[in-house]
Amino acid sequence: MTATPFNHLLVAAGSTVAIAGPHIQTLDSRTGNLIAATTAPAPIRVAALDNDATYLITAGDDKILRLWKVEGLEPVNERELPKRPTALGFTKDGKTIVVGDKFGDVFTYPLEHIEPTTEEKNKALASHENPSGGRLILGHVSLLTAFLLSPDEKYIITADRDEHIRVSWYPQGYTIESYCLGHTKFVSAIHIPEFAQDTLISGGGDSVLKVWDWLSGRLIRDIAIADAVEPYIVVKPEPKIPRRFGDGEGSGKKKNRKGKKRARDQKAAAESALVLEEPEQVDEVESLVFAISQIATTPSKHVLFSACGATALFCVPFSDTDAEIGVLDFGKPVLTFAVQADGLIYVSLDGNYGSDTTSMVRTVKIDENKLVAVTSTLITTLNTTALKPATPAELSALELYAALTSLPKGRDVDTDPMERPGDDGDFDAVAGLSKKELGRLKSKKAVAKRVGDEDEQRETKRARSEQDDQMDEDEP
């Protein structure tokens, strides 16, 4: 049987939430017994548990944020989001939901949702405001990839596809405390260790993980990882059919008709091209995309990380980053992992990848700086009765390796107007965006250009200053 792999594993002390595409299941973390199961209307792209594992939030391409009670998986409420979400989270008290989206914005929503009246809906529609009354905290000029609230929840740390990590006040996100600048490619994963809460670990398309004093923005050190990771990357990015920014970005209830027709036309053209032309040979090195998908730390003070399309899980001691990187190869791409309080690590795999089918979930632990496989009661259920069958079309819809195409710049330029060449007038033709959104987009591009110009001026001044200092030293 071809089964749906688990693209989200949320493990808590009492309950574990396992999500496979649209399928959601709650299991007892100790016994592995199935507690409840349900199915969402669409594949789930992002999900999060609150601190007490009382509530679960999920969202997908339909742009509907759904709140569930973990016990029984009862739906509590749902609301429409303005853009497709890229990251979700709760505040510590569990009363506020935080959402980051592909437009670069972060919104907050109260846990309890009061459905707006028809008049309020019409007013929001006319003014192009958030359809569910979300509070805008901050905005980036590029696709937002990840966010974290600081342990005291006075700051929010956000990362984007344009190499930026920003530290802003929370909830006064318009006040920027600092930047953690140094990445040269997209940032896709950030993490604050519980045992070093003034430290941030970040990774993405660069060949290193970076360790920061996040409040000041000071880089502490780099952890070189490319040589350890690249041999295990087996998934290469697939050619992507260009899609205009805004296609299907209309209402969360139905897709933009023009976008659907355009997608069908482009697909037909692409299929015709495949028949008429020989496929272009791409150099294997050039086609490899390096993308860190997750970073975490363990009670033993090790840094754990995985890469999109890689078959191994990696670890390195936090205090000794010059140590050899520990590697455990599963032979199947790692999709996600979760660390329990006792140090047990659950690893979700794409067991369908390749010619043979294997287990979807494995458990490991760290022993003397090495990752070793162990067994647990929970994975017995996850690898048997919890599996849901899937057709090839359903597996394709999961887009398990979409980050390999969507995160690197230049691979899908047509999907984001911020990446298009030309002047601001080009934005006027972007389908699916309101005048207000177009205006914000123009402002974002102007801000990005100004920040870039200021950075260039600072570098020029710094170079001149260093040159003058050198000349002063050379004078007798």
Protein backbone atom coordinates (compact mmCIF):
# COMPACT_ATOMS: atom_id res chain seq x y z
CA MET A 1 0.00 0.00 0.00
CA THR A 2 1.20 3.48 -0.88
CA ALA A 3 0.67 5.59 2.24
CA THR A 4 0.57 9.31 2.89
CA PRO A 5 3.76 10.40 4.71
CA PHE A 6 3.49 12.55 7.82
CA ASN A 7 4.43 16.10 6.90
CA HIS A 8 3.87 17.30 10.49
CA LEU A 9 4.65 15.53 13.78
CA LEU A 10 3.75 17.55 16.88
CA VAL A 11 4.83 15.57 19.94
CA ALA A 12 3.83 16.63 23.47
CA ALA A 13 4.12 14.85 26.81
CA GLY A 14 0.58 13.44 26.74
CA SER A 15 -0.56 13.68 23.14
CA THR A 16 0.98 13.48 19.69
CA VAL A 17 -0.63 15.05 16.64
CA ALA A 18 0.33 13.35 13.39
CA ILE A 19 -0.66 15.10 10.15
CA ALA A 20 -0.46 13.40 6.77
CA GLY A 21 -1.72 15.69 4.02
CA PRO A 22 -5.33 16.47 5.00
CA HIS A 23 -5.49 13.67 7.61
CA ILE A 24 -5.13 14.61 11.29
CA GLN A 25 -4.74 12.05 14.07
CA THR A 26 -4.21 12.36 17.81
CA LEU A 27 -2.38 9.57 19.62
CA ASP A 28 -1.38 8.88 23.20
CA SER A 29 2.35 9.64 23.33
CA ARG A 30 2.98 6.96 25.96
CA THR A 31 0.94 4.01 24.68
CA GLY A 32 0.60 4.87 20.99
CA ASN A 33 -3.16 4.33 21.14
CA LEU A 34 -5.21 6.27 18.60
CA ILE A 35 -7.40 8.85 20.36
CA ALA A 36 -9.12 10.69 17.51
CA ALA A 37 -8.95 11.27 13.77
CA THR A 38 -10.41 13.70 11.26
CA THR A 39 -9.79 14.99 7.76
CA ALA A 40 -9.41 18.62 6.72
CA PRO A 41 -10.85 19.86 3.40
CA ALA A 42 -7.37 20.38 1.91
CA PRO A 43 -3.75 19.29 2.51
CA ILE A 44 -2.31 21.00 5.57
CA ARG A 45 0.80 23.10 4.88
CA VAL A 46 1.44 24.59 8.33
CA ALA A 47 0.37 23.58 11.84
CA ALA A 48 1.15 24.37 15.48
CA LEU A 49 0.21 23.27 19.00
CA ASP A 50 -0.20 25.56 21.99
CA ASN A 51 2.03 25.02 25.04
CA ASP A 52 -0.51 22.83 26.84
CA ALA A 53 -1.34 20.77 23.74
CA THR A 54 -4.96 21.82 24.19
CA TYR A 55 -5.45 23.48 20.81
CA LEU A 56 -4.17 22.81 17.31
CA ILE A 57 -4.13 25.32 14.45
CA THR A 58 -3.81 24.33 10.81
CA ALA A 59 -3.90 26.05 7.44
CA GLY A 60 -3.36 25.20 3.80
CA ASP A 61 -3.72 26.48 0.28
CA ASP A 62 -7.39 27.29 0.85
CA LYS A 63 -6.20 30.09 3.18
CA ILE A 64 -8.56 29.01 5.96
CA LEU A 65 -7.10 29.05 9.48
CA ARG A 66 -8.73 26.24 11.46
CA LEU A 67 -8.66 25.84 15.23
CA TRP A 68 -9.15 22.36 16.69
CA LYS A 69 -9.39 20.92 20.17
CA VAL A 70 -6.67 18.29 20.37
CA GLU A 71 -8.81 16.01 22.52
CA GLY A 72 -11.34 14.60 20.10
CA LEU A 73 -10.11 16.83 17.26
CA GLU A 74 -13.29 18.87 17.47
CA PRO A 75 -13.33 21.97 15.23
CA VAL A 76 -13.60 25.14 17.32
CA ASN A 77 -13.65 27.88 14.70
CA GLU A 78 -12.22 28.90 11.36
CA ARG A 79 -11.39 32.17 9.64
CA GLU A 80 -10.17 33.34 6.26
CA LEU A 81 -6.60 34.59 5.89
CA PRO A 82 -5.60 37.37 3.47
CA LYS A 83 -2.71 35.36 1.96
CA ARG A 84 -1.37 31.85 2.06
CA PRO A 85 0.32 31.19 5.42
CA THR A 86 3.96 30.17 5.73
CA ALA A 87 4.25 29.89 9.54
CA LEU A 88 1.92 29.57 12.54
CA GLY A 89 2.31 29.88 16.29
CA PHE A 90 0.67 30.60 19.65
CA THR A 91 1.61 33.02 22.39
CA LYS A 92 2.57 31.39 25.71
CA ASP A 93 -0.85 31.91 27.27
CA GLY A 94 -2.49 30.31 24.24
CA LYS A 95 -4.90 33.21 23.79
CA THR A 96 -3.37 34.66 20.63
CA ILE A 97 -2.58 33.05 17.28
CA VAL A 98 0.33 34.41 15.23
CA VAL A 99 0.41 33.93 11.45
CA GLY A 100 3.13 34.74 8.89
CA ASP A 101 2.27 34.71 5.20
CA LYS A 102 3.81 34.64 1.73
CA PHE A 103 3.21 38.38 1.32
CA GLY A 104 5.76 38.99 4.09
CA ASP A 105 3.27 40.03 6.77
CA VAL A 106 2.68 38.83 10.33
CA PHE A 107 -0.84 39.05 11.77
CA THR A 108 -2.27 38.11 15.15
CA TYR A 109 -5.76 36.77 15.84
CA PRO A 110 -7.58 36.13 19.13
CA LEU A 111 -8.19 32.49 19.99
CA GLU A 112 -11.92 33.11 20.20
CA HIS A 113 -13.36 34.13 16.87
CA ILE A 114 -16.61 36.03 16.45
CA GLU A 115 -17.90 35.69 12.92
CA PRO A 116 -18.21 39.18 11.39
CA THR A 117 -21.61 40.42 10.30
CA THR A 118 -22.51 40.80 6.64
CA GLU A 119 -22.01 44.55 6.94
CA GLU A 120 -18.54 44.10 8.46
CA LYS A 121 -17.60 41.61 5.74
CA ASN A 122 -18.71 44.01 3.00
CA LYS A 123 -16.80 46.86 4.64
CA ALA A 124 -13.61 44.77 4.86
CA LEU A 125 -14.04 43.69 1.25
CA ALA A 126 -14.49 47.28 0.07
CA SER A 127 -11.43 48.52 1.97
CA HIS A 128 -9.32 45.42 1.12
CA GLU A 129 -8.58 44.88 4.80
CA ASN A 130 -7.93 41.56 6.56
CA PRO A 131 -11.12 39.53 6.03
CA SER A 132 -11.05 38.18 9.60
CA GLY A 133 -10.00 41.31 11.45
CA GLY A 134 -6.41 40.25 12.05
CA ARG A 135 -4.01 42.74 13.61
CA LEU A 136 -1.00 43.55 11.43
CA ILE A 137 2.21 43.30 13.49
CA LEU A 138 4.87 43.86 10.83
CA GLY A 139 5.73 43.33 7.19
CA HIS A 140 8.78 42.21 5.21
CA VAL A 141 9.57 43.12 1.62
CA SER A 142 9.82 39.43 0.73
CA LEU A 143 8.16 36.11 1.43
CA LEU A 144 8.26 35.43 5.18
CA THR A 145 9.73 32.00 5.90
CA ALA A 146 9.78 31.75 9.70
CA PHE A 147 9.16 33.65 12.93
CA LEU A 148 9.77 33.19 16.65
CA LEU A 149 8.58 35.03 19.72
CA SER A 150 11.35 35.64 22.26
CA PRO A 151 11.01 33.69 25.53
CA ASP A 152 9.71 36.81 27.32
CA GLU A 153 7.49 37.64 24.30
CA LYS A 154 8.80 41.20 24.16
CA TYR A 155 10.30 40.64 20.71
CA ILE A 156 9.42 38.84 17.51
CA ILE A 157 12.19 37.47 15.29
CA THR A 158 11.30 37.08 11.62
CA ALA A 159 13.16 35.68 8.60
CA ASP A 160 12.52 35.99 4.88
CA ARG A 161 13.63 34.81 1.46
CA ASP A 162 15.82 37.91 1.01
CA GLU A 163 18.50 36.80 3.53
CA HIS A 164 17.11 39.03 6.29
CA ILE A 165 16.56 38.26 9.97
CA ARG A 166 14.80 41.09 11.80
CA VAL A 167 14.27 41.56 15.54
CA SER A 168 11.23 43.74 16.24
CA TRP A 169 9.30 44.69 19.33
CA TYR A 170 6.20 42.64 20.02
CA PRO A 171 3.43 43.51 19.53
CA GLN A 172 4.72 46.94 18.37
CA GLY A 173 6.32 45.39 15.31
CA TYR A 174 6.90 48.77 13.65
CA THR A 175 9.80 49.29 16.10
CA ILE A 176 12.88 47.41 14.91
CA GLU A 177 15.41 46.50 17.60
CA SER A 178 18.13 44.98 15.39
CA TYR A 179 18.99 42.96 12.30
CA CYS A 180 20.99 39.74 12.14
CA LEU A 181 22.73 40.31 8.81
CA GLY A 182 25.21 37.95 7.20
CA HIS A 183 23.28 35.36 5.24
CA THR A 184 23.87 35.52 1.50
CA LYS A 185 20.92 33.29 0.57
CA PHE A 186 17.41 32.74 1.86
CA VAL A 187 16.81 32.03 5.55
CA SER A 188 14.40 29.13 6.05
CA ALA A 189 14.86 28.02 9.68
CA ILE A 190 15.50 29.82 12.99
CA HIS A 191 15.65 28.48 16.55
CA ILE A 192 16.27 29.77 20.10
CA PRO A 193 17.67 27.07 22.44
CA GLU A 194 15.94 26.76 25.81
CA PHE A 195 19.34 26.54 27.51
CA ALA A 196 20.72 29.65 25.73
CA GLN A 197 17.80 32.02 25.31
CA ASP A 198 19.92 34.98 24.24
CA THR A 199 21.16 32.95 21.25
CA LEU A 200 19.59 32.39 17.84
CA ILE A 201 20.59 29.65 15.39
CA SER A 202 19.68 30.24 11.75
CA GLY A 203 20.06 28.38 8.49
CA GLY A 204 18.82 28.34 4.93
CA GLY A 205 20.52 28.26 1.57
CA ASP A 206 24.01 29.05 2.89
CA SER A 207 26.65 26.42 3.53
CA VAL A 208 26.74 27.26 7.25
CA LEU A 209 24.46 27.59 10.25
CA LYS A 210 24.88 30.94 11.97
CA VAL A 211 24.81 31.53 15.72
CA TRP A 212 23.79 35.02 16.86
CA ASP A 213 23.34 37.22 19.87
CA TRP A 214 19.93 38.06 18.47
CA LEU A 215 19.15 41.12 20.58
CA SER A 216 22.23 43.00 19.39
CA GLY A 217 22.40 41.34 15.98
CA ARG A 218 26.01 40.26 16.60
CA LEU A 219 27.25 37.13 14.82
CA ILE A 220 28.90 34.78 17.31
CA ARG A 221 30.13 32.03 14.99
CA ASP A 222 29.44 29.94 11.92
CA ILE A 223 28.95 26.18 11.86
CA ALA A 224 30.16 24.70 8.56
CA ILE A 225 27.71 22.01 7.45
CA ALA A 226 27.76 21.78 3.63
CA ASP A 227 30.37 19.00 3.39
CA ALA A 228 28.35 16.86 5.80
CA VAL A 229 24.92 17.53 4.27
CA GLU A 230 25.37 17.63 0.50
CA PRO A 231 26.23 13.92 0.00
CA TYR A 232 22.80 13.01 1.40
CA ILE A 233 20.67 15.35 -0.74
CA VAL A 234 18.86 13.06 -3.19
CA VAL A 235 15.88 15.19 -4.23
CA LYS A 236 16.44 17.76 -6.97
CA PRO A 237 14.03 20.63 -7.68
CA GLU A 238 11.49 19.97 -10.41
CA PRO A 239 11.02 22.47 -13.25
CA LYS A 240 8.22 24.79 -12.27
CA ILE A 241 5.56 26.10 -14.65
CA PRO A 242 5.65 29.93 -14.34
CA ARG A 243 2.62 31.29 -12.54
CA ARG A 244 1.70 34.92 -12.17
CA PHE A 245 1.75 36.37 -8.70
CA GLY A 246 -1.88 36.46 -7.59
CA ASP A 247 -3.17 33.47 -9.55
CA GLY A 248 -5.64 31.76 -7.27
CA GLU A 249 -5.06 34.39 -4.58
CA GLY A 250 -8.62 35.61 -4.60
CA SER A 251 -11.19 34.40 -2.13
CA GLY A 252 -10.24 31.52 0.11
CA LYS A 253 -13.48 29.82 -0.94
CA LYS A 254 -12.82 29.66 -4.69
CA LYS A 255 -9.87 30.03 -7.02
CA ASN A 256 -9.44 32.92 -9.45
CA ARG A 257 -10.97 31.78 -12.76
CA LYS A 258 -8.38 33.54 -14.88
CA GLY A 259 -5.65 31.91 -12.83
CA LYS A 260 -7.18 28.48 -13.38
CA LYS A 261 -7.47 28.98 -17.14
CA ARG A 262 -3.92 30.36 -17.34
CA ALA A 263 -2.60 27.38 -15.37
CA ARG A 264 -4.36 24.95 -17.74
CA ASP A 265 -3.00 26.75 -20.81
CA GLN A 266 0.54 26.80 -19.37
CA LYS A 267 0.35 23.12 -18.44
CA ALA A 268 -0.81 22.21 -21.94
CA ALA A 269 1.98 24.29 -23.47
CA ALA A 270 4.54 22.70 -21.18
CA GLU A 271 3.35 19.19 -22.06
CA SER A 272 3.53 20.03 -25.77
CA ALA A 273 7.06 21.34 -25.32
CA LEU A 274 8.06 18.12 -23.60
CA VAL A 275 6.84 16.11 -26.59
CA LEU A 276 8.50 18.31 -29.21
CA GLU A 277 11.83 19.02 -27.55
CA GLU A 278 14.53 16.89 -26.02
CA PRO A 279 14.93 17.63 -22.29
CA GLU A 280 17.85 19.91 -21.55
CA GLN A 281 20.68 18.23 -19.68
CA VAL A 282 21.32 19.99 -16.37
CA ASP A 283 24.57 19.63 -14.53
CA GLU A 284 24.03 17.66 -11.32
CA VAL A 285 25.99 20.14 -9.19
CA GLU A 286 24.07 23.11 -10.55
CA SER A 287 20.69 21.40 -10.00
CA LEU A 288 21.38 20.65 -6.33
CA VAL A 289 19.59 23.06 -3.99
CA PHE A 290 20.78 23.41 -0.39
CA ALA A 291 17.90 24.32 1.94
CA ILE A 292 17.84 23.81 5.71
CA SER A 293 14.29 22.85 6.64
CA GLN A 294 14.41 22.60 10.43
CA ILE A 295 16.67 23.41 13.39
CA ALA A 296 16.17 22.28 16.99
CA THR A 297 18.18 21.59 20.14
CA THR A 298 18.06 18.69 22.58
CA PRO A 299 18.23 18.49 26.39
CA SER A 300 21.79 17.19 25.93
CA LYS A 301 22.67 20.56 24.31
CA HIS A 302 23.10 19.33 20.77
CA VAL A 303 21.99 21.18 17.66
CA LEU A 304 19.79 19.06 15.40
CA PHE A 305 19.00 20.00 11.82
CA SER A 306 17.65 18.60 8.57
CA ALA A 307 17.79 19.67 4.94
CA CYS A 308 15.02 19.53 2.36
CA GLY A 309 15.47 16.45 0.18
CA ALA A 310 18.26 14.94 2.33
CA THR A 311 18.04 11.40 3.68
CA ALA A 312 19.86 12.03 6.96
CA LEU A 313 19.43 13.82 10.26
CA PHE A 314 22.42 15.81 11.52
CA CYS A 315 23.68 16.86 14.96
CA VAL A 316 26.57 18.80 16.47
CA PRO A 317 27.36 19.79 20.09
CA PHE A 318 26.21 23.35 20.77
CA SER A 319 29.31 24.21 22.81
CA ASP A 320 31.80 22.55 20.46
CA THR A 321 30.80 23.47 16.94
CA ASP A 322 34.21 22.44 15.59
CA ALA A 323 33.37 18.84 16.45
CA GLU A 324 32.56 16.38 13.70
CA ILE A 325 28.92 16.53 12.62
CA GLY A 326 26.98 13.42 13.57
CA VAL A 327 24.97 11.87 10.74
CA LEU A 328 22.29 9.19 10.70
CA ASP A 329 21.24 8.18 7.20
CA PHE A 330 17.74 6.70 6.88
CA GLY A 331 17.93 6.08 3.13
CA LYS A 332 14.71 8.08 2.66
CA PRO A 333 14.26 11.88 2.67
CA VAL A 334 13.62 13.39 6.11
CA LEU A 335 10.42 15.47 6.11
CA THR A 336 10.29 16.69 9.70
CA PHE A 337 11.35 15.73 13.22
CA ALA A 338 10.24 16.38 16.79
CA VAL A 339 12.25 16.33 20.02
CA GLN A 340 10.66 15.13 23.26
CA ALA A 341 11.57 16.49 26.68
CA ASP A 342 13.41 13.24 27.48
CA GLY A 343 15.58 13.63 24.37
CA LEU A 344 13.81 11.04 22.21
CA ILE A 345 13.61 12.23 18.60
CA TYR A 346 10.80 11.27 16.21
CA VAL A 347 11.77 11.49 12.55
CA SER A 348 9.20 11.49 9.74
CA LEU A 349 10.37 10.09 6.40
CA ASP A 350 9.10 9.99 2.85
CA GLY A 351 8.91 6.21 2.89
CA ASN A 352 7.53 6.14 -0.66
CA TYR A 353 10.62 7.73 -2.18
CA GLY A 354 12.59 5.46 -4.48
CA SER A 355 11.78 1.97 -5.66
CA ASP A 356 10.94 0.41 -2.29
CA THR A 357 8.62 1.45 0.55
CA THR A 358 9.89 1.63 4.12
CA SER A 359 8.74 2.88 7.53
CA MET A 360 7.33 6.40 7.63
CA VAL A 361 8.56 7.21 11.15
CA ARG A 362 11.74 6.33 13.04
CA THR A 363 12.94 7.18 16.53
CA VAL A 364 16.51 8.07 17.45
CA LYS A 365 18.49 9.45 20.35
CA ILE A 366 21.91 11.03 20.83
CA ASP A 367 24.55 8.85 22.44
CA GLU A 368 28.09 10.22 22.83
CA ASN A 369 27.57 12.87 20.14
CA LYS A 370 26.17 10.29 17.72
CA LEU A 371 22.64 9.66 16.50
CA VAL A 372 21.53 6.08 17.12
CA ALA A 373 18.26 4.36 16.21
CA VAL A 374 15.96 3.16 19.01
CA THR A 375 12.42 1.79 19.25
CA SER A 376 9.28 3.19 20.85
CA THR A 377 5.66 2.18 21.28
CA LEU A 378 4.33 5.23 19.45
CA ILE A 379 6.06 4.53 16.14
CA THR A 380 4.48 1.08 15.96
CA THR A 381 1.09 2.75 15.59
CA LEU A 382 2.42 5.47 13.30
CA ASN A 383 3.86 2.86 10.94
CA THR A 384 0.78 0.61 10.88
CA THR A 385 -2.77 1.58 11.85
CA ALA A 386 -2.18 5.33 11.56
CA LEU A 387 -1.16 5.13 7.89
CA LYS A 388 -3.60 6.50 5.32
CA PRO A 389 -3.60 5.27 1.69
CA ALA A 390 -2.80 7.75 -1.05
CA THR A 391 -3.06 7.90 -4.83
CA PRO A 392 -0.20 9.30 -6.95
CA ALA A 393 -2.24 12.48 -7.48
CA GLU A 394 -2.74 12.90 -3.72
CA LEU A 395 0.97 12.41 -3.08
CA SER A 396 1.85 14.97 -5.74
CA ALA A 397 -0.54 17.49 -4.15
CA LEU A 398 1.47 17.35 -0.91
CA GLU A 399 4.38 19.20 -2.58
CA LEU A 400 6.80 17.79 -0.02
CA TYR A 401 9.83 19.40 -1.65
CA ALA A 402 8.30 22.69 -2.81
CA ALA A 403 10.92 24.65 -0.84
CA LEU A 404 13.60 23.56 -3.31
CA THR A 405 11.81 25.58 -5.98
CA SER A 406 10.09 28.38 -4.07
CA LEU A 407 12.95 29.57 -1.84
CA PRO A 408 15.96 30.05 -4.17
CA LYS A 409 15.80 33.30 -6.11
CA GLY A 410 15.57 33.12 -9.86
CA ARG A 411 13.88 29.70 -10.01
CA ASP A 412 10.32 31.05 -9.99
CA VAL A 413 10.63 34.76 -10.75
CA ASP A 414 7.15 35.01 -12.24
CA THR A 415 5.48 34.00 -8.99
CA ASP A 416 6.63 37.06 -7.05
CA PRO A 417 6.48 40.62 -8.39
CA MET A 418 9.18 41.66 -5.92
CA GLU A 419 11.60 39.59 -8.02
CA ARG A 420 10.58 40.94 -11.41
CA PRO A 421 12.82 43.31 -13.35
CA GLY A 422 11.49 46.70 -14.38
CA ASP A 423 10.14 49.81 -12.75
CA ASP A 424 7.24 50.26 -10.36
CA GLY A 425 4.80 50.53 -13.24
CA ASP A 426 5.10 46.78 -13.78
CA PHE A 427 3.00 46.19 -10.68
CA ASP A 428 -0.10 47.68 -12.29
CA ALA A 429 -0.53 44.54 -14.38
CA VAL A 430 -0.33 42.05 -11.51
CA ALA A 431 -3.48 40.00 -11.46
CA GLY A 432 -5.39 39.27 -8.27
CA LEU A 433 -4.09 42.19 -6.18
CA SER A 434 -6.21 45.11 -5.03
CA LYS A 435 -5.10 48.72 -5.47
CA LYS A 436 -4.22 48.87 -1.80
CA GLU A 437 -2.09 45.72 -2.06
CA LEU A 438 -0.41 47.08 -5.18
CA GLY A 439 0.38 50.27 -3.30
CA ARG A 440 1.87 48.31 -0.41
CA LEU A 441 3.90 46.26 -2.87
CA LYS A 442 5.31 49.41 -4.46
CA SER A 443 6.17 50.77 -1.01
CA LYS A 444 7.88 47.52 -0.08
CA LYS A 445 9.98 47.59 -3.24
CA ALA A 446 10.94 51.22 -2.56
CA VAL A 447 11.94 50.35 1.01
CA ALA A 448 13.97 47.37 -0.20
CA LYS A 449 15.80 49.57 -2.71
CA ARG A 450 16.49 52.23 -0.08
CA VAL A 451 17.81 49.65 2.40
CA GLY A 452 20.05 48.22 -0.32
CA ASP A 453 21.36 51.66 -1.24
CA GLU A 454 22.05 52.46 2.42
CA ASP A 455 23.90 49.15 2.89
CA GLU A 456 26.01 49.90 -0.20
CA GLN A 457 26.81 53.39 1.09
CA ARG A 458 27.79 52.02 4.49
CA GLU A 459 30.10 49.45 2.89
CA THR A 460 31.68 52.17 0.73
CA LYS A 461 32.21 54.43 3.75
CA ARG A 462 33.63 51.53 5.76
CA ALA A 463 36.06 50.67 2.97
CA ARG A 464 37.17 54.31 2.69
CA SER A 465 37.58 54.56 6.44
CA GLU A 466 39.70 51.41 6.56
CA GLN A 467 41.79 52.70 3.66
CA ASP A 468 42.36 56.04 5.43
CA ASP A 469 43.33 54.23 8.63
CA GLN A 470 45.85 52.13 6.71
CA MET A 471 47.35 55.25 5.11
CA ASP A 472 47.68 56.87 8.54
CA GLU A 473 49.52 53.80 9.84
CA ASP A 474 51.87 53.81 6.85
CA GLU A 475 52.88 57.45 7.37
CA PRO A 476 56.17 57.88 9.30
